[in-house]
Amino acid sequence: MNKNLENDFDIVISSKSEIKEFDFASYELNDVEIATVSEQEKIFMNTYKKMKNNLFDMCSSLALIEKTLKPTGSFMAWYSSKGLTKDAVSVYLKRWKFYKEFPDFKEKIFSYSDQAIKILTNNEIKYEEVLSILENDIYKIKEIRKLLIPVIEENKREFLPIGQKFFNFKKVERMKKRTMKLNDIDKQEYKKELTEYIKKLQQLVEEI
């Protein structure tokens, strides 16, 4: 399916309130045309649902493969051997982590376009700001950009308290809030990565 066309269908199908029965009686259609449209509609909708389920399975599998290969540093070599690009893999994993953080919004998260996922998972966006988008029927990339791009820029320029010339310590609080939505298994993985991140920072401190 054409990518732009797919994204357009995402906007409608992912919002149950917008799905309606087509009123054949309002149009001059004969019985054959009505039967054809009805039959093909079933095929189209079933295929679409399968496509969305496949996306979920793809993201889930890729996340598990990354977790398995990451300790040996062979994940990049693996996905390169499968013809996958770094950008494509990144979006799959971002979508999965996004879902794990907001599991109650599975249908929406797996209906968003890749561009929307990139914006919604930007590190400069606060938890509450993302939640606000998810809780409302906002699917169009133009609307998401309009609402969040200014927020991203503002958060980047966020005022630094006295004594914090280079780093904004408020980011630590944001990290803490993100952990509140993680399950026990993901929290352990998060803690493991955070510990490794702290080690890297300590090495940097020693090298300066």
C-alpha atoms as a PDB file:
ATOM      1  CA  MET A   1       0.000   0.000   0.000  1.00  0.00           C
ATOM      2  CA  ASN A   2       1.196   3.526  -0.766  1.00  0.00           C
ATOM      3  CA  LYS A   3       2.799   4.968   2.387  1.00  0.00           C
ATOM      4  CA  ASN A   4       0.895   8.262   2.283  1.00  0.00           C
ATOM      5  CA  LEU A   5      -2.363   6.415   1.646  1.00  0.00           C
ATOM      6  CA  GLU A   6      -1.614   4.095   4.541  1.00  0.00           C
ATOM      7  CA  ASN A   7      -1.095   7.040   6.889  1.00  0.00           C
ATOM      8  CA  ASP A   8      -4.396   8.577   5.776  1.00  0.00           C
ATOM      9  CA  PHE A   9      -6.233   5.347   6.610  1.00  0.00           C
ATOM     10  CA  ASP A  10      -4.451   5.246   9.976  1.00  0.00           C
ATOM     11  CA  ILE A  11      -6.120   8.507  10.950  1.00  0.00           C
ATOM     12  CA  VAL A  12      -9.616   7.126  10.392  1.00  0.00           C
ATOM     13  CA  ILE A  13      -9.376   3.463  11.294  1.00  0.00           C
ATOM     14  CA  SER A  14      -7.485   4.058  14.533  1.00  0.00           C
ATOM     15  CA  SER A  15     -10.336   6.210  15.831  1.00  0.00           C
ATOM     16  CA  LYS A  16     -13.335   3.953  16.426  1.00  0.00           C
ATOM     17  CA  SER A  17     -15.735   6.883  16.743  1.00  0.00           C
ATOM     18  CA  GLU A  18     -15.145   7.752  13.081  1.00  0.00           C
ATOM     19  CA  ILE A  19     -15.913   4.309  11.643  1.00  0.00           C
ATOM     20  CA  LYS A  20     -19.402   4.236  10.162  1.00  0.00           C
ATOM     21  CA  GLU A  21     -21.478   1.946   7.964  1.00  0.00           C
ATOM     22  CA  PHE A  22     -21.534   3.162   4.384  1.00  0.00           C
ATOM     23  CA  ASP A  23     -25.031   4.282   3.359  1.00  0.00           C
ATOM     24  CA  PHE A  24     -25.457   2.542   0.012  1.00  0.00           C
ATOM     25  CA  ALA A  25     -29.080   3.727  -0.239  1.00  0.00           C
ATOM     26  CA  SER A  26     -27.951   7.338  -0.587  1.00  0.00           C
ATOM     27  CA  TYR A  27     -26.174   6.585  -3.850  1.00  0.00           C
ATOM     28  CA  GLU A  28     -27.281   5.198  -7.186  1.00  0.00           C
ATOM     29  CA  LEU A  29     -25.623   1.796  -6.905  1.00  0.00           C
ATOM     30  CA  ASN A  30     -26.981  -1.443  -8.280  1.00  0.00           C
ATOM     31  CA  ASP A  31     -26.996  -4.765  -6.424  1.00  0.00           C
ATOM     32  CA  VAL A  32     -23.839  -5.997  -8.150  1.00  0.00           C
ATOM     33  CA  GLU A  33     -21.910  -2.847  -7.228  1.00  0.00           C
ATOM     34  CA  ILE A  34     -23.114  -3.001  -3.636  1.00  0.00           C
ATOM     35  CA  ALA A  35     -22.156  -6.681  -3.354  1.00  0.00           C
ATOM     36  CA  THR A  36     -18.725  -5.997  -4.861  1.00  0.00           C
ATOM     37  CA  VAL A  37     -17.981  -3.107  -2.518  1.00  0.00           C
ATOM     38  CA  SER A  38     -19.230  -5.008   0.540  1.00  0.00           C
ATOM     39  CA  GLU A  39     -17.096  -8.055  -0.230  1.00  0.00           C
ATOM     40  CA  GLN A  40     -13.959  -6.074  -1.017  1.00  0.00           C
ATOM     41  CA  GLU A  41     -14.491  -3.916   2.061  1.00  0.00           C
ATOM     42  CA  LYS A  42     -14.306  -7.030   4.242  1.00  0.00           C
ATOM     43  CA  ILE A  43     -11.092  -8.096   2.531  1.00  0.00           C
ATOM     44  CA  PHE A  44      -9.581  -4.632   2.853  1.00  0.00           C
ATOM     45  CA  MET A  45     -10.454  -4.191   6.536  1.00  0.00           C
ATOM     46  CA  ASN A  46      -9.275  -7.690   7.486  1.00  0.00           C
ATOM     47  CA  THR A  47      -6.005  -7.147   5.629  1.00  0.00           C
ATOM     48  CA  TYR A  48      -5.531  -3.803   7.332  1.00  0.00           C
ATOM     49  CA  LYS A  49      -6.065  -5.313  10.775  1.00  0.00           C
ATOM     50  CA  LYS A  50      -3.573  -8.073   9.986  1.00  0.00           C
ATOM     51  CA  MET A  51      -1.070  -5.452   8.844  1.00  0.00           C
ATOM     52  CA  LYS A  52      -1.367  -3.652  12.189  1.00  0.00           C
ATOM     53  CA  ASN A  53      -0.997  -6.919  14.098  1.00  0.00           C
ATOM     54  CA  ASN A  54       2.055  -7.731  11.991  1.00  0.00           C
ATOM     55  CA  LEU A  55       3.596  -4.369  12.926  1.00  0.00           C
ATOM     56  CA  PHE A  56       3.114  -5.192  16.607  1.00  0.00           C
ATOM     57  CA  ASP A  57       4.741  -8.608  16.163  1.00  0.00           C
ATOM     58  CA  MET A  58       7.622  -7.125  14.157  1.00  0.00           C
ATOM     59  CA  CYS A  59       8.368  -4.540  16.841  1.00  0.00           C
ATOM     60  CA  SER A  60       8.104  -7.127  19.605  1.00  0.00           C
ATOM     61  CA  SER A  61      10.432  -9.566  17.838  1.00  0.00           C
ATOM     62  CA  LEU A  62      12.965  -6.884  16.983  1.00  0.00           C
ATOM     63  CA  ALA A  63      13.062  -5.682  20.593  1.00  0.00           C
ATOM     64  CA  LEU A  64      13.742  -9.228  21.814  1.00  0.00           C
ATOM     65  CA  ILE A  65      16.452  -9.735  19.188  1.00  0.00           C
ATOM     66  CA  GLU A  66      18.096  -6.472  20.244  1.00  0.00           C
ATOM     67  CA  LYS A  67      17.996  -7.528  23.898  1.00  0.00           C
ATOM     68  CA  THR A  68      19.533 -10.900  23.013  1.00  0.00           C
ATOM     69  CA  LEU A  69      22.323  -9.585  20.776  1.00  0.00           C
ATOM     70  CA  LYS A  70      23.129  -6.338  22.584  1.00  0.00           C
ATOM     71  CA  PRO A  71      25.519  -7.910  25.153  1.00  0.00           C
ATOM     72  CA  THR A  72      27.744  -9.200  22.333  1.00  0.00           C
ATOM     73  CA  GLY A  73      27.486  -6.001  20.295  1.00  0.00           C
ATOM     74  CA  SER A  74      26.230  -7.966  17.302  1.00  0.00           C
ATOM     75  CA  PHE A  75      22.795  -6.396  16.865  1.00  0.00           C
ATOM     76  CA  MET A  76      23.867  -3.933  14.170  1.00  0.00           C
ATOM     77  CA  ALA A  77      25.628  -6.682  12.240  1.00  0.00           C
ATOM     78  CA  TRP A  78      22.474  -8.796  12.444  1.00  0.00           C
ATOM     79  CA  TYR A  79      20.020  -6.205  11.151  1.00  0.00           C
ATOM     80  CA  SER A  80      22.476  -5.080   8.473  1.00  0.00           C
ATOM     81  CA  SER A  81      22.654  -8.671   7.237  1.00  0.00           C
ATOM     82  CA  LYS A  82      18.864  -8.587   6.867  1.00  0.00           C
ATOM     83  CA  GLY A  83      18.958  -5.435   4.760  1.00  0.00           C
ATOM     84  CA  LEU A  84      17.474  -3.252   7.500  1.00  0.00           C
ATOM     85  CA  THR A  85      18.649   0.341   7.869  1.00  0.00           C
ATOM     86  CA  LYS A  86      19.596   1.942  11.164  1.00  0.00           C
ATOM     87  CA  ASP A  87      16.769   4.465  10.813  1.00  0.00           C
ATOM     88  CA  ALA A  88      14.123   1.798  10.170  1.00  0.00           C
ATOM     89  CA  VAL A  89      15.284  -0.299  13.120  1.00  0.00           C
ATOM     90  CA  SER A  90      15.340   2.787  15.322  1.00  0.00           C
ATOM     91  CA  VAL A  91      11.704   3.592  14.546  1.00  0.00           C
ATOM     92  CA  TYR A  92      10.583  -0.001  15.193  1.00  0.00           C
ATOM     93  CA  LEU A  93      12.306   0.010  18.586  1.00  0.00           C
ATOM     94  CA  LYS A  94      11.065   3.488  19.485  1.00  0.00           C
ATOM     95  CA  ARG A  95       7.516   2.416  18.696  1.00  0.00           C
ATOM     96  CA  TRP A  96       7.890  -0.664  20.898  1.00  0.00           C
ATOM     97  CA  LYS A  97       9.385   1.251  23.832  1.00  0.00           C
ATOM     98  CA  PHE A  98       6.668   3.865  23.385  1.00  0.00           C
ATOM     99  CA  TYR A  99       4.036   1.134  23.639  1.00  0.00           C
ATOM    100  CA  LYS A 100       5.694  -0.387  26.723  1.00  0.00           C
ATOM    101  CA  GLU A 101       5.583   3.026  28.369  1.00  0.00           C
ATOM    102  CA  PHE A 102       1.946   3.635  27.423  1.00  0.00           C
ATOM    103  CA  PRO A 103       0.403   0.134  27.067  1.00  0.00           C
ATOM    104  CA  ASP A 104      -3.150   1.454  27.385  1.00  0.00           C
ATOM    105  CA  PHE A 105      -2.774   3.187  24.014  1.00  0.00           C
ATOM    106  CA  LYS A 106      -1.678   0.203  21.936  1.00  0.00           C
ATOM    107  CA  GLU A 107      -4.097   0.813  19.057  1.00  0.00           C
ATOM    108  CA  LYS A 108      -3.076   4.442  18.690  1.00  0.00           C
ATOM    109  CA  ILE A 109       0.650   3.823  18.973  1.00  0.00           C
ATOM    110  CA  PHE A 110       0.597   1.174  16.262  1.00  0.00           C
ATOM    111  CA  SER A 111      -1.464   3.425  14.012  1.00  0.00           C
ATOM    112  CA  TYR A 112       0.834   6.452  14.117  1.00  0.00           C
ATOM    113  CA  SER A 113       3.088   7.120  11.133  1.00  0.00           C
ATOM    114  CA  ASP A 114       6.857   6.747  11.521  1.00  0.00           C
ATOM    115  CA  GLN A 115       7.221  10.541  11.515  1.00  0.00           C
ATOM    116  CA  ALA A 116       4.739  10.856  14.368  1.00  0.00           C
ATOM    117  CA  ILE A 117       6.600   8.216  16.391  1.00  0.00           C
ATOM    118  CA  LYS A 118       9.874  10.117  15.972  1.00  0.00           C
ATOM    119  CA  ILE A 119       8.296  13.290  17.341  1.00  0.00           C
ATOM    120  CA  LEU A 120       6.348  11.651  20.164  1.00  0.00           C
ATOM    121  CA  THR A 121       9.443   9.819  21.431  1.00  0.00           C
ATOM    122  CA  ASN A 122      11.690  12.891  21.355  1.00  0.00           C
ATOM    123  CA  ASN A 123      13.637  13.122  24.608  1.00  0.00           C
ATOM    124  CA  GLU A 124      12.814  16.811  24.966  1.00  0.00           C
ATOM    125  CA  ILE A 125       9.086  16.113  25.345  1.00  0.00           C
ATOM    126  CA  LYS A 126       7.753  15.656  28.847  1.00  0.00           C
ATOM    127  CA  TYR A 127       5.657  12.681  29.901  1.00  0.00           C
ATOM    128  CA  GLU A 128       2.554  14.802  30.472  1.00  0.00           C
ATOM    129  CA  GLU A 129       2.855  16.389  27.026  1.00  0.00           C
ATOM    130  CA  VAL A 130       2.930  13.016  25.298  1.00  0.00           C
ATOM    131  CA  LEU A 131       0.051  11.745  27.416  1.00  0.00           C
ATOM    132  CA  SER A 132      -2.017  14.749  26.369  1.00  0.00           C
ATOM    133  CA  ILE A 133      -1.613  13.794  22.700  1.00  0.00           C
ATOM    134  CA  LEU A 134      -2.493  10.164  23.372  1.00  0.00           C
ATOM    135  CA  GLU A 135      -5.589  10.988  25.397  1.00  0.00           C
ATOM    136  CA  ASN A 136      -7.011  13.072  22.556  1.00  0.00           C
ATOM    137  CA  ASP A 137      -7.864  12.040  19.005  1.00  0.00           C
ATOM    138  CA  ILE A 138      -4.787  13.623  17.433  1.00  0.00           C
ATOM    139  CA  TYR A 139      -3.374  11.526  14.605  1.00  0.00           C
ATOM    140  CA  LYS A 140      -2.401  13.852  11.779  1.00  0.00           C
ATOM    141  CA  ILE A 141       1.324  14.529  11.613  1.00  0.00           C
ATOM    142  CA  LYS A 142       0.655  18.217  10.899  1.00  0.00           C
ATOM    143  CA  GLU A 143      -1.299  18.579  14.129  1.00  0.00           C
ATOM    144  CA  ILE A 144       1.311  16.703  16.142  1.00  0.00           C
ATOM    145  CA  ARG A 145       4.079  18.875  14.719  1.00  0.00           C
ATOM    146  CA  LYS A 146       2.106  22.043  15.394  1.00  0.00           C
ATOM    147  CA  LEU A 147       1.571  21.067  19.026  1.00  0.00           C
ATOM    148  CA  LEU A 148       4.911  19.494  19.916  1.00  0.00           C
ATOM    149  CA  ILE A 149       7.673  21.073  17.814  1.00  0.00           C
ATOM    150  CA  PRO A 150       7.363  24.405  19.710  1.00  0.00           C
ATOM    151  CA  VAL A 151       7.369  22.432  22.966  1.00  0.00           C
ATOM    152  CA  ILE A 152      10.563  20.627  21.971  1.00  0.00           C
ATOM    153  CA  GLU A 153      12.300  23.904  21.144  1.00  0.00           C
ATOM    154  CA  GLU A 154      11.103  25.511  24.365  1.00  0.00           C
ATOM    155  CA  ASN A 155      12.261  22.580  26.475  1.00  0.00           C
ATOM    156  CA  LYS A 156      15.683  22.806  24.856  1.00  0.00           C
ATOM    157  CA  ARG A 157      15.897  26.447  25.900  1.00  0.00           C
ATOM    158  CA  GLU A 158      14.498  25.749  29.333  1.00  0.00           C
ATOM    159  CA  PHE A 159      16.029  28.032  31.953  1.00  0.00           C
ATOM    160  CA  LEU A 160      18.970  26.545  33.822  1.00  0.00           C
ATOM    161  CA  PRO A 161      19.041  27.178  37.598  1.00  0.00           C
ATOM    162  CA  ILE A 162      22.018  28.921  39.214  1.00  0.00           C
ATOM    163  CA  GLY A 163      25.018  26.620  39.264  1.00  0.00           C
ATOM    164  CA  GLN A 164      23.829  24.616  36.245  1.00  0.00           C
ATOM    165  CA  LYS A 165      25.568  26.162  33.271  1.00  0.00           C
ATOM    166  CA  PHE A 166      25.761  23.164  30.947  1.00  0.00           C
ATOM    167  CA  PHE A 167      23.179  20.627  32.116  1.00  0.00           C
ATOM    168  CA  ASN A 168      19.544  20.775  33.143  1.00  0.00           C
ATOM    169  CA  PHE A 169      19.060  18.573  36.191  1.00  0.00           C
ATOM    170  CA  LYS A 170      15.285  18.604  35.673  1.00  0.00           C
ATOM    171  CA  LYS A 171      15.821  15.875  33.107  1.00  0.00           C
ATOM    172  CA  VAL A 172      16.509  13.505  36.001  1.00  0.00           C
ATOM    173  CA  GLU A 173      12.988  14.130  37.268  1.00  0.00           C
ATOM    174  CA  ARG A 174      11.591  13.402  33.802  1.00  0.00           C
ATOM    175  CA  MET A 175      13.511  10.124  33.724  1.00  0.00           C
ATOM    176  CA  LYS A 176      12.031   9.210  37.094  1.00  0.00           C
ATOM    177  CA  LYS A 177       8.482   9.877  35.868  1.00  0.00           C
ATOM    178  CA  ARG A 178       9.017   7.648  32.847  1.00  0.00           C
ATOM    179  CA  THR A 179       9.909   4.711  35.098  1.00  0.00           C
ATOM    180  CA  MET A 180       6.524   4.901  36.818  1.00  0.00           C
ATOM    181  CA  LYS A 181       4.839   3.315  33.788  1.00  0.00           C
ATOM    182  CA  LEU A 182       7.330   0.470  33.422  1.00  0.00           C
ATOM    183  CA  ASN A 183       6.613  -3.051  34.623  1.00  0.00           C
ATOM    184  CA  ASP A 184       9.034  -4.859  36.952  1.00  0.00           C
ATOM    185  CA  ILE A 185      10.954  -6.562  34.137  1.00  0.00           C
ATOM    186  CA  ASP A 186      11.402  -3.340  32.165  1.00  0.00           C
ATOM    187  CA  LYS A 187      12.403  -1.486  35.335  1.00  0.00           C
ATOM    188  CA  GLN A 188      15.253  -3.940  35.848  1.00  0.00           C
ATOM    189  CA  GLU A 189      16.359  -3.450  32.239  1.00  0.00           C
ATOM    190  CA  TYR A 190      16.057   0.323  32.665  1.00  0.00           C
ATOM    191  CA  LYS A 191      18.112   0.175  35.859  1.00  0.00           C
ATOM    192  CA  LYS A 192      20.760  -1.917  34.101  1.00  0.00           C
ATOM    193  CA  GLU A 193      21.080   0.566  31.225  1.00  0.00           C
ATOM    194  CA  LEU A 194      21.047   3.519  33.624  1.00  0.00           C
ATOM    195  CA  THR A 195      23.887   1.960  35.615  1.00  0.00           C
ATOM    196  CA  GLU A 196      25.901   1.540  32.417  1.00  0.00           C
ATOM    197  CA  TYR A 197      25.105   5.136  31.437  1.00  0.00           C
ATOM    198  CA  ILE A 198      26.366   6.375  34.819  1.00  0.00           C
ATOM    199  CA  LYS A 199      29.598   4.418  34.329  1.00  0.00           C
ATOM    200  CA  LYS A 200      30.122   6.106  30.956  1.00  0.00           C
ATOM    201  CA  LEU A 201      29.553   9.512  32.539  1.00  0.00           C
ATOM    202  CA  GLN A 202      32.019   8.689  35.317  1.00  0.00           C
ATOM    203  CA  GLN A 203      34.615   7.706  32.712  1.00  0.00           C
ATOM    204  CA  LEU A 204      34.033  11.031  30.974  1.00  0.00           C
ATOM    205  CA  VAL A 205      34.514  12.899  34.254  1.00  0.00           C
ATOM    206  CA  GLU A 206      37.827  11.125  34.804  1.00  0.00           C
ATOM    207  CA  GLU A 207      38.985  11.910  31.264  1.00  0.00           C
ATOM    208  CA  ILE A 208      38.256  15.640  31.473  1.00  0.00           C
END
